Amino acid sequence: MREACFKIAWDCLVNKVVHIDQVEQGFENAKCLECGSTLVAANHNPDDRLRATYFRHKGESTCSGESLTHLWAKQILQTYGSVRGAPYSATATATDIRKKKHVAQEYQPAEDLIMERVQPEAPLTVDGLTFIPDLTARLSLGYDLLIEVFVNNESSDEKADFYRNLHVSCLEIDLSRVPSEVLEKPSLFEKYVIYDAPRKWVSCELYGQALASARAKALVLAREATASIKIHRDGKRAEKQAWRHAHRVLIEQITAYLSEDNHKLARARYDRDVTTPGTFSYQTVSRFRGEFPDHAECVDIPVKGELGFGCHRSVWQAVVYRAVVIRGRKMGHSAAESARESYATRGYGKDMKLLAWHDNVPKVSPENLYETIKASHIPIRPICLEAERIVGAPISSERDRPEELRYLMTKEWRPMPKPVCVIRAYLNELVQRSVVDTVDGCFFAKPPEALP
């Protein structure tokens, strides 16, 4: 619609919107509702005139005439008797036993709605709040339908909530961007308003069955998922029971190990053995302390899970210390001592010795040290041997539970002694004391400050 030329105007005699094609030549009853001035019908000789027919202000004016589009659309809707609705998509959710949401949708395509009677601007008031829809219609289906014509202002969220709370359907027809060619003829605009203009549901109670169907579908999905979950849980429960029955020996050993009284008894016995001449523990520790008196404090370090070994901690720690530190220092010292400076490396003697140490010192993993301990006839608790038998290998991680032990409860798995992990914990204590170093999960004797 051009700024100064209108295709529609207000007929003062019949009080309705008229199109330029619907009035006689020289029509004089046209008025502008925005400024109140008279409009001139430029429609003489419509068949052979060079310019299109239109209404214009008698005097100068900047009125746009957009308000008439709104009135004309309402006028058409009141008289036509039907209107095309908007598509409607009903979405519903239901949760299964795991609280997972299952979504279902029902789609209702747009359909023509037959209006038996239409009333303009009937106010609705609830709890002191009032809204006035453009039109209120009674449908042949027995429902009420509100219609909002959107030219300048679309329906607000507050209005939408108001209509939803009233459980009434409201259709909004969007005329904010009417194509100019649609306004050329009344029949085109009528078709556009009734059928073709963009439209949406501000609120929709008309298709309650679609929402009910979507809810039923979502509920079926949730129930099917719940049934599947229960079947899976029952299967897992039966599998867990069968596993725990088959490995009841390990379960009993863990139960016994968790007893603090048994811990006290074990510690008392190990303390007694390591101080009683003639026992294996006494001989092992005494020999180590006699050979290496300066290292005695490094072979009696408390670590988590140490009761996985069937002896005092100083017994197995002596074996580990001897294998990593004593043997490592001997080999590293020999390599450093054999390093010789050449003319080209003159002045880098210390660096060469340090490099020779690192190249030749044994780097040992906790897994290898565990094999060394077992070869030294140090007793391993039956609980550890049984777990290793089930897994098929020593357990080397405190965190990652082997699949073969998946049905141990967390309170059983975490405190269960794991010799490889115990050895690693001891070696890390030696790292903190600057006795050994570590690289790529292996440990080796740290070189002294003064190399030979």
Protein backbone atom coordinates (compact mmCIF):
# COMPACT_ATOMS: atom_id res chain seq x y z
CA MET A 1 0.00 0.00 0.00
CA ARG A 2 1.52 3.33 -1.10
CA GLU A 3 1.80 6.09 1.46
CA ALA A 4 -0.61 8.56 -0.23
CA CYS A 5 -2.80 6.21 -2.28
CA PHE A 6 -5.18 3.69 -0.76
CA LYS A 7 -7.14 0.83 -2.24
CA ILE A 8 -9.56 0.83 0.70
CA ALA A 9 -11.46 3.51 2.60
CA TRP A 10 -14.18 3.94 5.20
CA ASP A 11 -17.71 4.37 3.79
CA CYS A 12 -19.36 6.94 6.07
CA LEU A 13 -22.90 6.04 4.96
CA VAL A 14 -22.82 2.31 5.69
CA ASN A 15 -19.97 2.41 8.23
CA LYS A 16 -17.81 -0.26 6.69
CA VAL A 17 -14.59 -0.65 4.73
CA VAL A 18 -14.92 -0.51 0.95
CA HIS A 19 -12.46 -1.23 -1.85
CA ILE A 20 -11.98 1.18 -4.72
CA ASP A 21 -13.28 -1.50 -7.10
CA GLN A 22 -16.52 -1.74 -5.11
CA VAL A 23 -17.64 1.90 -5.35
CA GLU A 24 -19.08 3.91 -8.24
CA GLN A 25 -17.05 6.44 -10.16
CA GLY A 26 -16.54 9.68 -8.25
CA PHE A 27 -17.56 8.11 -4.94
CA GLU A 28 -17.83 10.90 -2.34
CA ASN A 29 -18.55 9.15 0.97
CA ALA A 30 -14.99 7.95 1.63
CA LYS A 31 -13.25 9.05 4.81
CA CYS A 32 -9.80 8.49 6.38
CA LEU A 33 -10.20 7.04 9.88
CA GLU A 34 -6.70 8.08 10.90
CA CYS A 35 -6.96 11.83 10.28
CA GLY A 36 -10.73 12.19 9.71
CA SER A 37 -10.33 13.97 6.38
CA THR A 38 -12.30 13.29 3.21
CA LEU A 39 -10.90 10.90 0.61
CA VAL A 40 -11.29 11.31 -3.13
CA ALA A 41 -12.06 8.30 -5.28
CA ALA A 42 -9.66 8.42 -8.25
CA ASN A 43 -11.63 5.88 -10.30
CA HIS A 44 -13.02 7.68 -13.33
CA ASN A 45 -12.80 5.72 -16.57
CA PRO A 46 -11.29 2.62 -14.87
CA ASP A 47 -11.09 0.67 -18.15
CA ASP A 48 -8.90 3.05 -20.17
CA ARG A 49 -7.13 5.18 -17.54
CA LEU A 50 -3.33 5.05 -17.54
CA ARG A 51 -2.95 4.90 -13.75
CA ALA A 52 -4.60 2.42 -11.37
CA THR A 53 -7.68 3.42 -9.41
CA TYR A 54 -7.26 4.46 -5.79
CA PHE A 55 -8.40 6.68 -2.92
CA ARG A 56 -6.38 9.76 -1.99
CA HIS A 57 -6.67 12.55 0.55
CA LYS A 58 -8.46 15.65 -0.63
CA GLY A 59 -5.72 17.69 0.96
CA GLU A 60 -2.13 16.87 1.87
CA SER A 61 -1.65 14.12 4.44
CA THR A 62 0.93 11.52 5.51
CA CYS A 63 -1.58 8.95 6.78
CA SER A 64 -0.74 5.35 5.86
CA GLY A 65 -4.22 3.87 5.99
CA GLU A 66 -2.96 0.69 7.68
CA SER A 67 -5.72 0.66 10.31
CA LEU A 68 -8.25 -0.03 7.56
CA THR A 69 -6.51 -3.30 6.70
CA HIS A 70 -7.32 -4.50 10.21
CA LEU A 71 -10.96 -3.39 9.97
CA TRP A 72 -11.39 -4.86 6.50
CA ALA A 73 -10.05 -8.24 7.60
CA LYS A 74 -12.45 -8.28 10.59
CA GLN A 75 -15.29 -7.32 8.29
CA ILE A 76 -14.48 -10.23 5.94
CA LEU A 77 -14.20 -12.72 8.78
CA GLN A 78 -17.58 -11.63 10.19
CA THR A 79 -19.37 -12.24 6.91
CA TYR A 80 -17.55 -15.16 5.31
CA GLY A 81 -18.64 -17.93 7.70
CA SER A 82 -15.44 -19.98 7.80
CA VAL A 83 -11.71 -19.57 8.33
CA ARG A 84 -8.73 -21.82 7.89
CA GLY A 85 -7.04 -22.71 11.16
CA ALA A 86 -3.32 -23.19 11.75
CA PRO A 87 -1.40 -26.45 11.95
CA TYR A 88 -1.11 -27.78 15.48
CA SER A 89 1.58 -29.96 16.98
CA ALA A 90 0.86 -31.51 20.36
CA THR A 91 3.90 -32.60 22.37
CA ALA A 92 3.81 -34.70 25.53
CA THR A 93 6.44 -36.32 27.74
CA ALA A 94 6.47 -39.19 30.20
CA THR A 95 9.31 -40.48 32.37
CA ASP A 96 10.42 -44.05 32.87
CA ILE A 97 11.67 -45.64 36.06
CA ARG A 98 15.10 -44.06 35.52
CA LYS A 99 13.55 -40.58 35.20
CA LYS A 100 14.43 -40.44 31.49
CA LYS A 101 11.94 -38.42 29.46
CA HIS A 102 10.20 -39.94 26.45
CA VAL A 103 8.68 -37.50 23.96
CA ALA A 104 5.72 -38.11 21.62
CA GLN A 105 4.06 -35.79 19.13
CA GLU A 106 0.77 -35.63 17.29
CA TYR A 107 0.45 -33.36 14.25
CA GLN A 108 -2.88 -31.82 13.21
CA PRO A 109 -2.80 -30.14 9.79
CA ALA A 110 -4.67 -26.88 9.26
CA GLU A 111 -8.37 -27.38 8.53
CA ASP A 112 -11.28 -25.14 7.61
CA LEU A 113 -13.38 -24.14 10.62
CA ILE A 114 -17.07 -23.37 10.12
CA MET A 115 -18.24 -20.37 12.17
CA GLU A 116 -21.95 -20.25 13.02
CA ARG A 117 -21.89 -16.79 14.53
CA VAL A 118 -19.21 -14.14 14.94
CA GLN A 119 -19.15 -11.31 17.45
CA PRO A 120 -16.60 -8.46 17.26
CA GLU A 121 -14.62 -7.22 20.25
CA ALA A 122 -16.42 -9.03 23.09
CA PRO A 123 -14.39 -8.29 26.26
CA LEU A 124 -13.21 -11.11 28.52
CA THR A 125 -12.52 -10.32 32.18
CA VAL A 126 -11.05 -12.65 34.80
CA ASP A 127 -9.77 -11.54 38.23
CA GLY A 128 -9.73 -7.90 37.18
CA LEU A 129 -7.73 -8.57 34.01
CA THR A 130 -9.48 -7.79 30.71
CA PHE A 131 -8.60 -8.61 27.12
CA ILE A 132 -10.67 -7.88 24.05
CA PRO A 133 -10.18 -10.29 21.13
CA ASP A 134 -10.86 -8.93 17.66
CA LEU A 135 -13.54 -11.56 17.06
CA THR A 136 -15.32 -14.26 19.05
CA ALA A 137 -16.88 -17.07 17.01
CA ARG A 138 -18.95 -20.12 17.78
CA LEU A 139 -17.84 -23.09 15.72
CA SER A 140 -20.09 -25.78 14.31
CA LEU A 141 -18.06 -28.25 16.38
CA GLY A 142 -19.45 -26.65 19.53
CA TYR A 143 -16.27 -24.83 20.54
CA ASP A 144 -15.63 -21.12 20.98
CA LEU A 145 -12.91 -19.59 18.82
CA LEU A 146 -11.19 -16.25 19.41
CA ILE A 147 -9.55 -14.55 16.44
CA GLU A 148 -6.82 -11.92 16.63
CA VAL A 149 -5.85 -9.99 13.49
CA PHE A 150 -2.18 -9.01 13.65
CA VAL A 151 -1.34 -5.90 11.62
CA ASN A 152 0.89 -3.86 13.93
CA ASN A 153 1.05 -5.73 17.27
CA GLU A 154 1.08 -9.49 17.67
CA SER A 155 -0.43 -11.17 20.73
CA SER A 156 1.64 -10.72 23.87
CA ASP A 157 2.73 -13.53 26.19
CA GLU A 158 0.39 -12.10 28.82
CA LYS A 159 -2.56 -12.36 26.45
CA ALA A 160 -1.57 -15.90 25.43
CA ASP A 161 -1.39 -16.97 29.08
CA PHE A 162 -4.76 -15.34 29.73
CA TYR A 163 -6.42 -17.33 26.92
CA ARG A 164 -4.70 -20.57 27.95
CA ASN A 165 -5.92 -20.17 31.52
CA LEU A 166 -9.45 -19.74 30.14
CA HIS A 167 -8.96 -22.98 28.16
CA VAL A 168 -10.13 -21.29 24.98
CA SER A 169 -8.70 -21.51 21.44
CA CYS A 170 -7.31 -18.34 19.89
CA LEU A 171 -6.18 -18.08 16.26
CA GLU A 172 -3.92 -15.21 15.21
CA ILE A 173 -3.92 -14.18 11.52
CA ASP A 174 -0.78 -12.30 10.47
CA LEU A 175 -1.46 -9.36 8.13
CA SER A 176 1.68 -7.42 9.03
CA ARG A 177 3.21 -8.04 5.60
CA VAL A 178 0.34 -8.18 3.14
CA PRO A 179 1.72 -8.36 -0.43
CA SER A 180 0.75 -5.25 -2.41
CA GLU A 181 -0.82 -7.30 -5.21
CA VAL A 182 -3.24 -8.88 -2.71
CA LEU A 183 -4.81 -5.47 -2.09
CA GLU A 184 -5.46 -4.91 -5.80
CA LYS A 185 -8.73 -6.83 -5.77
CA PRO A 186 -11.22 -7.58 -2.96
CA SER A 187 -11.37 -11.27 -3.91
CA LEU A 188 -7.59 -11.65 -3.52
CA PHE A 189 -7.56 -10.01 -0.10
CA GLU A 190 -10.56 -12.06 1.02
CA LYS A 191 -8.83 -15.30 -0.01
CA TYR A 192 -5.62 -14.14 1.69
CA VAL A 193 -7.41 -13.43 5.00
CA ILE A 194 -9.52 -16.59 5.03
CA TYR A 195 -6.96 -19.09 3.73
CA ASP A 196 -3.48 -17.92 2.80
CA ALA A 197 -2.15 -15.43 5.35
CA PRO A 198 0.35 -16.79 7.93
CA ARG A 199 -1.45 -17.85 11.08
CA LYS A 200 -0.74 -19.57 14.37
CA TRP A 201 -2.46 -20.76 17.53
CA VAL A 202 -1.99 -18.35 20.41
CA SER A 203 -3.71 -20.99 22.53
CA CYS A 204 -5.40 -24.17 21.39
CA GLU A 205 -8.04 -26.26 23.12
CA LEU A 206 -9.67 -27.30 19.87
CA TYR A 207 -7.40 -30.29 19.38
CA GLY A 208 -7.40 -31.68 22.87
CA GLN A 209 -7.61 -35.18 21.43
CA ALA A 210 -4.24 -34.64 19.74
CA LEU A 211 -2.65 -33.78 23.07
CA ALA A 212 -4.36 -36.75 24.71
CA SER A 213 -3.05 -39.00 21.95
CA ALA A 214 0.46 -37.60 22.35
CA ARG A 215 0.30 -38.18 26.09
CA ALA A 216 -0.89 -41.75 25.55
CA LYS A 217 1.96 -42.40 23.13
CA ALA A 218 4.54 -40.91 25.50
CA LEU A 219 3.14 -43.02 28.33
CA VAL A 220 3.40 -46.17 26.22
CA LEU A 221 7.02 -45.33 25.38
CA ALA A 222 7.83 -44.75 29.06
CA ARG A 223 6.11 -47.97 30.13
CA GLU A 224 7.91 -50.00 27.47
CA ALA A 225 11.22 -48.51 28.55
CA THR A 226 10.42 -49.24 32.21
CA ALA A 227 9.54 -52.85 31.39
CA SER A 228 12.77 -53.26 29.44
CA ILE A 229 14.76 -51.71 32.29
CA LYS A 230 13.16 -54.05 34.82
CA ILE A 231 13.89 -57.08 32.66
CA HIS A 232 17.49 -55.92 32.31
CA ARG A 233 17.74 -55.25 36.04
CA ASP A 234 16.29 -58.62 36.92
CA GLY A 235 18.76 -60.29 34.58
CA LYS A 236 21.65 -58.35 36.05
CA ARG A 237 20.46 -59.10 39.57
CA ALA A 238 20.29 -62.83 38.81
CA GLU A 239 23.68 -62.67 37.12
CA LYS A 240 25.15 -60.86 40.12
CA GLN A 241 23.70 -63.40 42.56
CA ALA A 242 25.07 -66.28 40.50
CA TRP A 243 28.52 -64.63 40.33
CA ARG A 244 28.66 -63.94 44.04
CA HIS A 245 27.59 -67.50 44.80
CA ALA A 246 30.25 -68.89 42.47
CA HIS A 247 32.91 -66.70 44.12
CA ARG A 248 31.67 -66.96 47.68
CA VAL A 249 35.17 -67.92 48.82
CA LEU A 250 36.48 -64.48 47.80
CA ILE A 251 33.46 -62.77 49.36
CA GLU A 252 34.07 -64.58 52.66
CA GLN A 253 37.75 -63.65 52.57
CA ILE A 254 36.94 -59.98 51.95
CA THR A 255 34.42 -60.02 54.80
CA ALA A 256 37.07 -61.44 57.12
CA TYR A 257 39.64 -58.94 55.88
CA LEU A 258 37.32 -56.01 56.61
CA SER A 259 37.21 -56.96 60.30
CA GLU A 260 39.26 -54.54 62.35
CA ASP A 261 39.78 -57.24 64.98
CA ASN A 262 41.41 -59.44 62.36
CA HIS A 263 43.65 -56.51 61.37
CA LYS A 264 44.79 -56.18 64.97
CA LEU A 265 45.48 -59.91 65.26
CA ALA A 266 47.45 -59.91 61.98
CA ARG A 267 49.58 -56.93 62.98
CA ALA A 268 50.30 -58.44 66.42
CA ARG A 269 51.42 -61.69 64.80
CA TYR A 270 53.62 -59.94 62.23
CA ASP A 271 55.22 -57.77 64.94
CA ARG A 272 55.91 -60.89 66.94
CA ASP A 273 57.43 -62.78 63.99
CA VAL A 274 59.78 -59.97 62.98
CA THR A 275 61.24 -59.85 66.52
CA THR A 276 61.40 -63.61 67.12
CA PRO A 277 64.77 -65.21 66.22
CA GLY A 278 64.54 -68.12 63.85
CA THR A 279 61.49 -66.92 61.93
CA PHE A 280 61.65 -66.08 58.24
CA SER A 281 60.68 -62.47 58.93
CA TYR A 282 63.36 -62.05 61.58
CA GLN A 283 66.09 -63.50 59.38
CA THR A 284 65.16 -61.39 56.33
CA VAL A 285 64.99 -58.10 58.20
CA SER A 286 68.05 -58.78 60.39
CA ARG A 287 70.17 -59.63 57.35
CA PHE A 288 69.12 -56.44 55.60
CA ARG A 289 69.76 -54.23 58.62
CA GLY A 290 73.13 -55.88 59.16
CA GLU A 291 74.19 -55.24 55.56
CA PHE A 292 72.67 -51.79 55.21
CA PRO A 293 72.26 -50.18 58.63
CA ASP A 294 72.05 -46.69 57.11
CA HIS A 295 68.89 -47.68 55.20
CA ALA A 296 66.93 -49.30 58.05
CA GLU A 297 64.42 -46.44 58.29
CA CYS A 298 63.43 -46.96 54.63
CA VAL A 299 62.12 -50.49 55.11
CA ASP A 300 59.49 -49.92 57.77
CA ILE A 301 57.11 -47.44 56.10
CA PRO A 302 53.34 -47.89 56.71
CA VAL A 303 51.32 -48.00 53.47
CA LYS A 304 47.68 -48.70 52.65
CA GLY A 305 46.90 -52.38 52.01
CA GLU A 306 50.15 -53.69 53.49
CA LEU A 307 48.26 -56.57 55.15
CA GLY A 308 47.92 -58.12 51.68
CA PHE A 309 51.32 -59.64 52.42
CA GLY A 310 51.39 -62.34 55.09
CA CYS A 311 54.30 -60.81 56.98
CA HIS A 312 55.55 -57.60 58.56
CA ARG A 313 55.92 -54.72 56.08
CA SER A 314 59.67 -54.47 56.69
CA VAL A 315 60.08 -57.97 55.23
CA TRP A 316 58.69 -57.33 51.74
CA GLN A 317 59.93 -53.74 51.75
CA ALA A 318 63.48 -55.04 52.31
CA VAL A 319 63.15 -57.17 49.18
CA VAL A 320 61.82 -54.23 47.14
CA TYR A 321 64.42 -51.82 48.47
CA ARG A 322 67.23 -54.24 47.76
CA ALA A 323 66.01 -54.79 44.18
CA VAL A 324 65.47 -51.12 43.34
CA VAL A 325 67.84 -49.05 45.47
CA ILE A 326 70.75 -51.29 46.51
CA ARG A 327 71.07 -53.10 43.18
CA GLY A 328 70.31 -49.92 41.25
CA ARG A 329 72.95 -47.88 43.02
CA LYS A 330 75.51 -50.59 42.50
CA MET A 331 74.90 -50.76 38.74
CA GLY A 332 74.50 -47.00 38.37
CA HIS A 333 77.69 -46.38 40.35
CA SER A 334 79.62 -48.84 38.21
CA ALA A 335 78.38 -47.20 35.01
CA ALA A 336 79.17 -43.68 36.27
CA GLU A 337 82.63 -44.76 37.40
CA SER A 338 83.43 -46.22 33.99
CA ALA A 339 82.46 -43.02 32.18
CA ARG A 340 85.63 -41.35 30.88
CA GLU A 341 86.18 -37.88 29.55
CA SER A 342 87.66 -37.44 26.11
CA TYR A 343 89.24 -34.42 24.56
CA ALA A 344 85.91 -33.52 22.96
CA THR A 345 83.93 -33.88 26.19
CA ARG A 346 86.43 -32.21 28.47
CA GLY A 347 84.65 -30.26 31.22
CA TYR A 348 81.47 -32.35 30.98
CA GLY A 349 82.61 -35.20 33.20
CA LYS A 350 79.77 -34.91 35.70
CA ASP A 351 77.16 -34.77 32.97
CA MET A 352 78.62 -37.86 31.35
CA LYS A 353 78.56 -39.76 34.63
CA LEU A 354 74.97 -38.73 35.27
CA LEU A 355 74.00 -39.83 31.77
CA ALA A 356 75.78 -43.15 32.26
CA TRP A 357 73.90 -43.63 35.55
CA HIS A 358 70.51 -43.04 33.97
CA ASP A 359 71.34 -45.24 30.99
CA ASN A 360 72.37 -48.23 33.08
CA VAL A 361 70.41 -48.09 36.32
CA PRO A 362 67.61 -50.74 36.32
CA LYS A 363 64.12 -49.29 35.92
CA VAL A 364 61.66 -51.64 37.56
CA SER A 365 57.85 -51.72 37.49
CA PRO A 366 55.70 -52.63 40.54
CA GLU A 367 54.42 -55.63 38.55
CA ASN A 368 57.97 -56.99 38.13
CA LEU A 369 58.77 -56.34 41.77
CA TYR A 370 55.67 -58.33 42.77
CA GLU A 371 57.09 -61.32 40.91
CA THR A 372 60.41 -60.78 42.70
CA ILE A 373 58.61 -60.78 46.06
CA LYS A 374 56.76 -64.02 45.26
CA ALA A 375 60.05 -65.61 44.13
CA SER A 376 61.54 -64.64 47.53
CA HIS A 377 58.90 -66.87 49.23
CA ILE A 378 57.24 -63.95 50.97
CA PRO A 379 53.70 -65.10 51.80
CA ILE A 380 50.75 -63.48 49.97
CA ARG A 381 47.36 -63.43 51.64
CA PRO A 382 44.83 -65.91 50.18
CA ILE A 383 42.40 -63.04 49.45
CA CYS A 384 44.92 -61.57 46.98
CA LEU A 385 45.70 -64.91 45.35
CA GLU A 386 42.00 -65.71 44.95
CA ALA A 387 41.27 -62.35 43.32
CA GLU A 388 44.23 -62.81 40.97
CA ARG A 389 43.02 -66.32 40.09
CA ILE A 390 39.61 -64.94 39.10
CA VAL A 391 41.08 -62.05 37.11
CA GLY A 392 43.85 -64.17 35.60
CA ALA A 393 46.55 -61.63 36.46
CA PRO A 394 47.72 -59.41 39.32
CA ILE A 395 45.54 -56.35 39.92
CA SER A 396 47.57 -53.25 39.12
CA SER A 397 45.03 -50.43 39.58
CA GLU A 398 43.22 -49.15 42.65
CA ARG A 399 40.65 -47.30 40.56
CA ASP A 400 39.88 -49.46 37.52
CA ARG A 401 37.98 -52.54 38.66
CA PRO A 402 38.56 -55.57 36.41
CA GLU A 403 35.49 -56.78 34.55
CA GLU A 404 35.91 -60.18 36.20
CA LEU A 405 35.25 -58.53 39.61
CA ARG A 406 32.38 -56.28 38.46
CA TYR A 407 29.95 -57.71 41.01
CA LEU A 408 32.05 -56.82 44.01
CA MET A 409 30.44 -53.97 45.91
CA THR A 410 32.39 -50.74 46.11
CA LYS A 411 32.81 -51.16 49.86
CA GLU A 412 34.39 -54.57 49.12
CA TRP A 413 36.53 -53.56 46.15
CA ARG A 414 38.14 -50.41 47.53
CA PRO A 415 39.67 -51.79 50.76
CA MET A 416 40.59 -55.17 49.22
CA PRO A 417 44.42 -55.41 49.29
CA LYS A 418 46.16 -55.30 45.92
CA PRO A 419 49.87 -56.18 46.25
CA VAL A 420 51.03 -54.42 43.08
CA CYS A 421 49.30 -51.22 44.25
CA VAL A 422 50.83 -51.63 47.71
CA ILE A 423 54.31 -51.90 46.20
CA ARG A 424 53.66 -48.79 44.07
CA ALA A 425 52.51 -46.88 47.18
CA TYR A 426 55.72 -47.84 48.97
CA LEU A 427 57.88 -46.75 46.04
CA ASN A 428 56.07 -43.42 45.89
CA GLU A 429 56.95 -42.93 49.55
CA LEU A 430 60.59 -43.47 48.59
CA VAL A 431 60.15 -40.90 45.81
CA GLN A 432 58.95 -38.40 48.45
CA ARG A 433 62.10 -39.17 50.45
CA SER A 434 64.28 -38.55 47.37
CA VAL A 435 65.58 -42.12 47.45
CA VAL A 436 64.19 -43.22 44.09
CA ASP A 437 62.90 -41.54 40.94
CA THR A 438 60.15 -42.59 38.56
CA VAL A 439 59.54 -42.45 34.82
CA ASP A 440 56.77 -44.02 32.70
CA GLY A 441 55.43 -46.01 35.65
CA CYS A 442 58.83 -47.55 36.52
CA PHE A 443 61.11 -46.74 39.44
CA PHE A 444 64.89 -46.51 39.72
CA ALA A 445 67.54 -45.51 42.24
CA LYS A 446 68.21 -41.80 42.33
CA PRO A 447 71.88 -40.86 41.73
CA PRO A 448 73.73 -39.34 44.69
CA GLU A 449 74.82 -35.72 44.67
CA ALA A 450 78.47 -36.70 44.41
CA LEU A 451 79.07 -39.19 41.59
CA PRO A 452 82.31 -41.20 41.52
